[in-house]
Amino acid sequence: MFISNYLKVIFLITTIQLTACASLSLESKYPTYEQKFDSKVLQEDNIIGLGETKSKNQQASSVLFIGEKFNYLLSEGGPNLLNIVQKLPNQDRLILNKLPLELDVYNDNVFYGHIHFYHPVPVNQLSNTKKQELLTLGFMEESLQVKNQEKEIYLSRNIAIKGTVYEGTKQTSQLSLAGSIPIVLQEQRLTTQENKSNALKKKLLSPLALGLDIITLPIQLGAEKLSKK
């Protein structure tokens, strides 16, 4: 009697592995619908300078991008960005981002993005004075591949920015940039699309899956009956 019950337990444990339905496994492996983010361009612009806005009491200031069409008031990243632009000449703070610079726009015209600066001379060729100047500005060593050359160690700084888009007005305090920086304001949308390739695979494999379901089902039921005895 003990051996018989022992065999029933072994049989139960073994058949539990078959409880995953084959047809559900197909849907997991080959989903009919997939979700992905698509970008919709809302506006194109060119950044031609940096400016500062002063509050009425002249105590607080904010940094903004000055564009040809709009201005972009920065609530995050502005002071670091302005500090680098003020203290480094154009040739010492090249932009690594692929242009146009992409700014993701969310509710209430709030945008997010980042600007990745780097110094074009590899670290091992920099003077100690220049290296210390860049480190003081928050630059860090990073392995980069620049202009399809082999990777080398450069000093770079990636600044996350956040701000609000508003109608452009002329600014008296402005820093010009080395040429304009093209940007795109874009909206990220989550879309659901049918994967036709996966749908076809499931149609071809479904007969096999149903066959497995039919074969394994009596085994699972048998295990369930054994466990109740």
C-alpha atoms as a PDB file:
ATOM      1  CA  MET A   1       0.000   0.000   0.000  1.00  0.00           C
ATOM      2  CA  PHE A   2       2.841   2.383   0.900  1.00  0.00           C
ATOM      3  CA  ILE A   3       4.613   1.654  -2.411  1.00  0.00           C
ATOM      4  CA  SER A   4       1.398   2.230  -4.323  1.00  0.00           C
ATOM      5  CA  ASN A   5       0.872   5.644  -2.696  1.00  0.00           C
ATOM      6  CA  TYR A   6       4.513   6.498  -3.264  1.00  0.00           C
ATOM      7  CA  LEU A   7       4.153   5.759  -6.978  1.00  0.00           C
ATOM      8  CA  LYS A   8       1.040   7.923  -7.089  1.00  0.00           C
ATOM      9  CA  VAL A   9       2.965  10.845  -5.606  1.00  0.00           C
ATOM     10  CA  ILE A  10       5.801  10.405  -8.106  1.00  0.00           C
ATOM     11  CA  PHE A  11       3.280  10.264 -10.930  1.00  0.00           C
ATOM     12  CA  LEU A  12       1.610  13.434  -9.649  1.00  0.00           C
ATOM     13  CA  ILE A  13       4.881  15.392  -9.420  1.00  0.00           C
ATOM     14  CA  THR A  14       5.901  14.302 -12.912  1.00  0.00           C
ATOM     15  CA  THR A  15       2.636  15.302 -14.546  1.00  0.00           C
ATOM     16  CA  ILE A  16       2.564  18.737 -12.900  1.00  0.00           C
ATOM     17  CA  GLN A  17       5.246  19.726 -15.407  1.00  0.00           C
ATOM     18  CA  LEU A  18       2.649  19.343 -18.170  1.00  0.00           C
ATOM     19  CA  THR A  19       0.146  21.821 -16.762  1.00  0.00           C
ATOM     20  CA  ALA A  20       1.373  24.635 -19.019  1.00  0.00           C
ATOM     21  CA  CYS A  21      -1.019  24.520 -21.933  1.00  0.00           C
ATOM     22  CA  ALA A  22       0.727  24.304 -25.292  1.00  0.00           C
ATOM     23  CA  SER A  23      -1.641  26.745 -26.971  1.00  0.00           C
ATOM     24  CA  LEU A  24      -0.963  29.378 -24.291  1.00  0.00           C
ATOM     25  CA  SER A  25       2.735  28.761 -24.815  1.00  0.00           C
ATOM     26  CA  LEU A  26       2.308  29.643 -28.492  1.00  0.00           C
ATOM     27  CA  GLU A  27       0.724  32.996 -27.626  1.00  0.00           C
ATOM     28  CA  SER A  28       3.578  33.748 -25.255  1.00  0.00           C
ATOM     29  CA  LYS A  29       6.242  32.838 -27.800  1.00  0.00           C
ATOM     30  CA  TYR A  30       4.537  34.374 -30.823  1.00  0.00           C
ATOM     31  CA  PRO A  31       2.332  37.263 -29.597  1.00  0.00           C
ATOM     32  CA  THR A  32      -0.241  38.369 -32.145  1.00  0.00           C
ATOM     33  CA  TYR A  33      -0.084  42.001 -31.038  1.00  0.00           C
ATOM     34  CA  GLU A  34       2.960  43.975 -29.953  1.00  0.00           C
ATOM     35  CA  GLN A  35       3.274  47.370 -28.291  1.00  0.00           C
ATOM     36  CA  LYS A  36       5.947  49.900 -29.164  1.00  0.00           C
ATOM     37  CA  PHE A  37       6.650  53.612 -28.883  1.00  0.00           C
ATOM     38  CA  ASP A  38       6.383  55.762 -32.003  1.00  0.00           C
ATOM     39  CA  SER A  39       7.613  59.332 -32.269  1.00  0.00           C
ATOM     40  CA  LYS A  40       5.447  62.041 -33.794  1.00  0.00           C
ATOM     41  CA  VAL A  41       7.261  65.259 -34.730  1.00  0.00           C
ATOM     42  CA  LEU A  42       5.340  68.265 -33.400  1.00  0.00           C
ATOM     43  CA  GLN A  43       7.678  71.090 -34.357  1.00  0.00           C
ATOM     44  CA  GLU A  44      11.139  71.753 -35.772  1.00  0.00           C
ATOM     45  CA  ASP A  45      13.268  74.674 -34.619  1.00  0.00           C
ATOM     46  CA  ASN A  46      16.842  75.968 -34.455  1.00  0.00           C
ATOM     47  CA  ILE A  47      18.542  77.016 -31.221  1.00  0.00           C
ATOM     48  CA  ILE A  48      20.554  80.162 -31.905  1.00  0.00           C
ATOM     49  CA  GLY A  49      21.638  81.150 -28.409  1.00  0.00           C
ATOM     50  CA  LEU A  50      21.331  80.938 -24.644  1.00  0.00           C
ATOM     51  CA  GLY A  51      19.728  83.570 -22.484  1.00  0.00           C
ATOM     52  CA  GLU A  52      18.812  84.324 -18.885  1.00  0.00           C
ATOM     53  CA  THR A  53      15.517  85.512 -17.497  1.00  0.00           C
ATOM     54  CA  LYS A  54      15.409  87.586 -14.342  1.00  0.00           C
ATOM     55  CA  SER A  55      12.623  87.689 -11.817  1.00  0.00           C
ATOM     56  CA  LYS A  56      11.077  91.056 -10.948  1.00  0.00           C
ATOM     57  CA  ASN A  57      13.217  91.376  -7.824  1.00  0.00           C
ATOM     58  CA  GLN A  58      16.329  90.421  -9.853  1.00  0.00           C
ATOM     59  CA  GLN A  59      17.206  87.770  -7.268  1.00  0.00           C
ATOM     60  CA  ALA A  60      16.516  84.591  -9.235  1.00  0.00           C
ATOM     61  CA  SER A  61      17.395  83.778 -12.828  1.00  0.00           C
ATOM     62  CA  SER A  62      16.573  80.964 -15.209  1.00  0.00           C
ATOM     63  CA  VAL A  63      18.366  79.731 -18.300  1.00  0.00           C
ATOM     64  CA  LEU A  64      16.610  79.362 -21.600  1.00  0.00           C
ATOM     65  CA  PHE A  65      17.359  78.216 -25.120  1.00  0.00           C
ATOM     66  CA  ILE A  66      16.594  80.920 -27.628  1.00  0.00           C
ATOM     67  CA  GLY A  67      15.098  79.488 -30.781  1.00  0.00           C
ATOM     68  CA  GLU A  68      14.055  80.955 -34.089  1.00  0.00           C
ATOM     69  CA  LYS A  69      10.400  80.045 -33.386  1.00  0.00           C
ATOM     70  CA  PHE A  70      10.129  79.421 -29.642  1.00  0.00           C
ATOM     71  CA  ASN A  71      12.042  79.858 -26.408  1.00  0.00           C
ATOM     72  CA  TYR A  72      12.728  76.939 -24.062  1.00  0.00           C
ATOM     73  CA  LEU A  73      12.854  77.810 -20.387  1.00  0.00           C
ATOM     74  CA  LEU A  74      14.974  75.251 -18.511  1.00  0.00           C
ATOM     75  CA  SER A  75      13.893  74.131 -15.063  1.00  0.00           C
ATOM     76  CA  GLU A  76      16.612  71.458 -14.850  1.00  0.00           C
ATOM     77  CA  GLY A  77      20.134  71.405 -16.253  1.00  0.00           C
ATOM     78  CA  GLY A  78      20.255  75.112 -17.063  1.00  0.00           C
ATOM     79  CA  PRO A  79      22.987  76.281 -14.647  1.00  0.00           C
ATOM     80  CA  ASN A  80      25.345  73.434 -15.627  1.00  0.00           C
ATOM     81  CA  LEU A  81      24.734  74.088 -19.304  1.00  0.00           C
ATOM     82  CA  LEU A  82      25.297  77.824 -18.966  1.00  0.00           C
ATOM     83  CA  ASN A  83      28.450  77.300 -16.897  1.00  0.00           C
ATOM     84  CA  ILE A  84      30.007  75.126 -19.611  1.00  0.00           C
ATOM     85  CA  VAL A  85      29.040  77.469 -22.457  1.00  0.00           C
ATOM     86  CA  GLN A  86      30.396  80.499 -20.586  1.00  0.00           C
ATOM     87  CA  LYS A  87      33.731  78.979 -19.550  1.00  0.00           C
ATOM     88  CA  LEU A  88      34.669  76.841 -22.563  1.00  0.00           C
ATOM     89  CA  PRO A  89      35.231  78.098 -26.106  1.00  0.00           C
ATOM     90  CA  ASN A  90      33.197  76.487 -28.874  1.00  0.00           C
ATOM     91  CA  GLN A  91      36.010  74.185 -29.982  1.00  0.00           C
ATOM     92  CA  ASP A  92      36.337  72.710 -26.460  1.00  0.00           C
ATOM     93  CA  ARG A  93      32.680  71.670 -26.037  1.00  0.00           C
ATOM     94  CA  LEU A  94      31.514  69.789 -29.088  1.00  0.00           C
ATOM     95  CA  ILE A  95      28.072  68.170 -29.050  1.00  0.00           C
ATOM     96  CA  LEU A  96      28.051  64.387 -29.321  1.00  0.00           C
ATOM     97  CA  ASN A  97      24.278  64.053 -29.819  1.00  0.00           C
ATOM     98  CA  LYS A  98      22.990  62.995 -33.180  1.00  0.00           C
ATOM     99  CA  LEU A  99      21.351  66.062 -34.712  1.00  0.00           C
ATOM    100  CA  PRO A 100      18.689  67.269 -34.800  1.00  0.00           C
ATOM    101  CA  LEU A 101      18.565  67.270 -31.017  1.00  0.00           C
ATOM    102  CA  GLU A 102      15.455  65.383 -29.873  1.00  0.00           C
ATOM    103  CA  LEU A 103      13.258  66.842 -27.140  1.00  0.00           C
ATOM    104  CA  ASP A 104      10.330  64.713 -25.935  1.00  0.00           C
ATOM    105  CA  VAL A 105       7.247  66.792 -25.174  1.00  0.00           C
ATOM    106  CA  TYR A 106       4.677  65.749 -22.569  1.00  0.00           C
ATOM    107  CA  ASN A 107       1.686  67.441 -20.952  1.00  0.00           C
ATOM    108  CA  ASP A 108       1.590  71.239 -20.553  1.00  0.00           C
ATOM    109  CA  ASN A 109       4.395  71.725 -23.112  1.00  0.00           C
ATOM    110  CA  VAL A 110       6.981  70.229 -20.753  1.00  0.00           C
ATOM    111  CA  PHE A 111       9.968  68.722 -22.560  1.00  0.00           C
ATOM    112  CA  TYR A 112      12.799  66.386 -21.595  1.00  0.00           C
ATOM    113  CA  GLY A 113      16.119  65.708 -23.279  1.00  0.00           C
ATOM    114  CA  HIS A 114      19.868  65.698 -22.812  1.00  0.00           C
ATOM    115  CA  ILE A 115      22.930  67.375 -24.281  1.00  0.00           C
ATOM    116  CA  HIS A 116      26.130  65.351 -24.439  1.00  0.00           C
ATOM    117  CA  PHE A 117      29.282  67.508 -24.591  1.00  0.00           C
ATOM    118  CA  TYR A 118      32.785  66.181 -25.166  1.00  0.00           C
ATOM    119  CA  HIS A 119      36.255  67.604 -25.589  1.00  0.00           C
ATOM    120  CA  PRO A 120      37.649  66.553 -28.988  1.00  0.00           C
ATOM    121  CA  VAL A 121      41.153  65.730 -27.731  1.00  0.00           C
ATOM    122  CA  PRO A 122      41.709  62.282 -26.145  1.00  0.00           C
ATOM    123  CA  VAL A 123      42.594  62.322 -22.447  1.00  0.00           C
ATOM    124  CA  ASN A 124      46.107  60.991 -23.024  1.00  0.00           C
ATOM    125  CA  GLN A 125      46.869  64.027 -25.210  1.00  0.00           C
ATOM    126  CA  LEU A 126      45.471  66.695 -22.887  1.00  0.00           C
ATOM    127  CA  SER A 127      47.614  68.987 -20.798  1.00  0.00           C
ATOM    128  CA  ASN A 128      47.160  68.699 -17.055  1.00  0.00           C
ATOM    129  CA  THR A 129      45.782  72.251 -16.960  1.00  0.00           C
ATOM    130  CA  LYS A 130      43.085  71.588 -19.553  1.00  0.00           C
ATOM    131  CA  LYS A 131      42.196  68.236 -18.001  1.00  0.00           C
ATOM    132  CA  GLN A 132      41.747  69.821 -14.576  1.00  0.00           C
ATOM    133  CA  GLU A 133      39.622  72.602 -16.066  1.00  0.00           C
ATOM    134  CA  LEU A 134      37.269  70.069 -17.667  1.00  0.00           C
ATOM    135  CA  LEU A 135      37.077  67.921 -14.538  1.00  0.00           C
ATOM    136  CA  THR A 136      36.149  71.005 -12.510  1.00  0.00           C
ATOM    137  CA  LEU A 137      33.222  71.562 -14.914  1.00  0.00           C
ATOM    138  CA  GLY A 138      31.960  68.054 -14.248  1.00  0.00           C
ATOM    139  CA  PHE A 139      33.438  66.288 -17.274  1.00  0.00           C
ATOM    140  CA  MET A 140      34.252  62.603 -16.792  1.00  0.00           C
ATOM    141  CA  GLU A 141      36.314  60.045 -18.685  1.00  0.00           C
ATOM    142  CA  GLU A 142      34.288  58.053 -21.211  1.00  0.00           C
ATOM    143  CA  SER A 143      35.172  55.603 -23.956  1.00  0.00           C
ATOM    144  CA  LEU A 144      33.810  57.104 -27.192  1.00  0.00           C
ATOM    145  CA  GLN A 145      33.956  56.374 -30.884  1.00  0.00           C
ATOM    146  CA  VAL A 146      34.170  59.724 -32.659  1.00  0.00           C
ATOM    147  CA  LYS A 147      33.908  60.219 -36.420  1.00  0.00           C
ATOM    148  CA  ASN A 148      34.147  56.477 -37.163  1.00  0.00           C
ATOM    149  CA  GLN A 149      37.563  56.240 -35.510  1.00  0.00           C
ATOM    150  CA  GLU A 150      38.612  53.639 -32.975  1.00  0.00           C
ATOM    151  CA  LYS A 151      37.318  54.095 -29.455  1.00  0.00           C
ATOM    152  CA  GLU A 152      39.399  56.302 -27.207  1.00  0.00           C
ATOM    153  CA  ILE A 153      39.019  57.848 -23.780  1.00  0.00           C
ATOM    154  CA  TYR A 154      37.638  61.399 -23.881  1.00  0.00           C
ATOM    155  CA  LEU A 155      36.339  63.797 -21.266  1.00  0.00           C
ATOM    156  CA  SER A 156      32.587  64.303 -21.642  1.00  0.00           C
ATOM    157  CA  ARG A 157      29.539  65.495 -19.778  1.00  0.00           C
ATOM    158  CA  ASN A 158      25.968  64.416 -20.414  1.00  0.00           C
ATOM    159  CA  ILE A 159      23.493  66.975 -19.055  1.00  0.00           C
ATOM    160  CA  ALA A 160      19.844  66.045 -18.576  1.00  0.00           C
ATOM    161  CA  ILE A 161      17.527  68.961 -19.315  1.00  0.00           C
ATOM    162  CA  LYS A 162      13.875  69.663 -18.602  1.00  0.00           C
ATOM    163  CA  GLY A 163      11.858  72.735 -19.373  1.00  0.00           C
ATOM    164  CA  THR A 164       8.813  74.405 -20.867  1.00  0.00           C
ATOM    165  CA  VAL A 165       8.187  75.660 -24.385  1.00  0.00           C
ATOM    166  CA  TYR A 166       6.763  79.143 -24.726  1.00  0.00           C
ATOM    167  CA  GLU A 167       6.402  81.836 -27.345  1.00  0.00           C
ATOM    168  CA  GLY A 168       9.702  83.450 -28.272  1.00  0.00           C
ATOM    169  CA  THR A 169      10.652  86.969 -27.220  1.00  0.00           C
ATOM    170  CA  LYS A 170      13.894  88.884 -27.689  1.00  0.00           C
ATOM    171  CA  GLN A 171      16.425  88.606 -24.856  1.00  0.00           C
ATOM    172  CA  THR A 172      18.997  91.270 -24.005  1.00  0.00           C
ATOM    173  CA  SER A 173      21.374  88.854 -22.234  1.00  0.00           C
ATOM    174  CA  GLN A 174      22.298  86.226 -24.775  1.00  0.00           C
ATOM    175  CA  LEU A 175      25.204  83.909 -25.529  1.00  0.00           C
ATOM    176  CA  SER A 176      25.545  82.971 -29.180  1.00  0.00           C
ATOM    177  CA  LEU A 177      26.355  79.398 -30.158  1.00  0.00           C
ATOM    178  CA  ALA A 178      28.755  78.193 -32.833  1.00  0.00           C
ATOM    179  CA  GLY A 179      26.103  77.914 -35.509  1.00  0.00           C
ATOM    180  CA  SER A 180      22.512  77.006 -34.795  1.00  0.00           C
ATOM    181  CA  ILE A 181      21.544  73.671 -33.232  1.00  0.00           C
ATOM    182  CA  PRO A 182      18.616  72.020 -35.031  1.00  0.00           C
ATOM    183  CA  ILE A 183      16.049  70.447 -32.705  1.00  0.00           C
ATOM    184  CA  VAL A 184      12.805  68.522 -33.053  1.00  0.00           C
ATOM    185  CA  LEU A 185       9.986  68.562 -30.538  1.00  0.00           C
ATOM    186  CA  GLN A 186       8.410  65.140 -30.590  1.00  0.00           C
ATOM    187  CA  GLU A 187       5.666  63.241 -28.817  1.00  0.00           C
ATOM    188  CA  GLN A 188       6.088  59.610 -27.778  1.00  0.00           C
ATOM    189  CA  ARG A 189       3.003  57.458 -28.388  1.00  0.00           C
ATOM    190  CA  LEU A 190       2.423  53.876 -27.315  1.00  0.00           C
ATOM    191  CA  THR A 191       0.870  51.977 -30.217  1.00  0.00           C
ATOM    192  CA  THR A 192      -0.375  48.413 -30.614  1.00  0.00           C
ATOM    193  CA  GLN A 193       0.307  46.661 -33.897  1.00  0.00           C
ATOM    194  CA  GLU A 194      -0.466  43.224 -35.233  1.00  0.00           C
ATOM    195  CA  ASN A 195       2.565  41.055 -35.891  1.00  0.00           C
ATOM    196  CA  LYS A 196       1.443  39.295 -39.073  1.00  0.00           C
ATOM    197  CA  SER A 197       4.465  37.012 -39.110  1.00  0.00           C
ATOM    198  CA  ASN A 198       3.654  35.688 -35.629  1.00  0.00           C
ATOM    199  CA  ALA A 199      -0.026  35.340 -36.520  1.00  0.00           C
ATOM    200  CA  LEU A 200       0.913  33.115 -39.467  1.00  0.00           C
ATOM    201  CA  LYS A 201       3.271  31.024 -37.337  1.00  0.00           C
ATOM    202  CA  LYS A 202       0.517  30.424 -34.800  1.00  0.00           C
ATOM    203  CA  LYS A 203      -1.903  29.353 -37.524  1.00  0.00           C
ATOM    204  CA  LEU A 204       0.615  26.833 -38.803  1.00  0.00           C
ATOM    205  CA  LEU A 205       1.517  25.547 -35.333  1.00  0.00           C
ATOM    206  CA  SER A 206      -1.954  25.551 -33.784  1.00  0.00           C
ATOM    207  CA  PRO A 207      -2.858  22.007 -34.958  1.00  0.00           C
ATOM    208  CA  LEU A 208       0.251  20.735 -33.186  1.00  0.00           C
ATOM    209  CA  ALA A 209      -0.590  22.697 -30.073  1.00  0.00           C
ATOM    210  CA  LEU A 210      -4.168  21.406 -29.974  1.00  0.00           C
ATOM    211  CA  GLY A 211      -2.881  17.886 -30.435  1.00  0.00           C
ATOM    212  CA  LEU A 212      -0.617  18.316 -27.437  1.00  0.00           C
ATOM    213  CA  ASP A 213      -3.500  19.668 -25.390  1.00  0.00           C
ATOM    214  CA  ILE A 214      -5.627  16.640 -26.186  1.00  0.00           C
ATOM    215  CA  ILE A 215      -2.818  14.221 -25.362  1.00  0.00           C
ATOM    216  CA  THR A 216      -1.719  15.844 -22.112  1.00  0.00           C
ATOM    217  CA  LEU A 217      -5.173  16.588 -20.757  1.00  0.00           C
ATOM    218  CA  PRO A 218      -6.040  12.977 -19.769  1.00  0.00           C
ATOM    219  CA  ILE A 219      -2.663  12.686 -18.031  1.00  0.00           C
ATOM    220  CA  GLN A 220      -3.346  15.791 -15.997  1.00  0.00           C
ATOM    221  CA  LEU A 221      -6.812  14.595 -15.081  1.00  0.00           C
ATOM    222  CA  GLY A 222      -5.388  11.235 -14.146  1.00  0.00           C
ATOM    223  CA  ALA A 223      -2.937  12.901 -11.799  1.00  0.00           C
ATOM    224  CA  GLU A 224      -5.744  14.916 -10.264  1.00  0.00           C
ATOM    225  CA  LYS A 225      -7.821  11.759  -9.638  1.00  0.00           C
ATOM    226  CA  LEU A 226      -4.850   9.965  -8.111  1.00  0.00           C
ATOM    227  CA  SER A 227      -4.190  12.834  -5.746  1.00  0.00           C
ATOM    228  CA  LYS A 228      -7.748  12.651  -4.400  1.00  0.00           C
ATOM    229  CA  LYS A 229      -7.596   8.970  -3.484  1.00  0.00           C
END
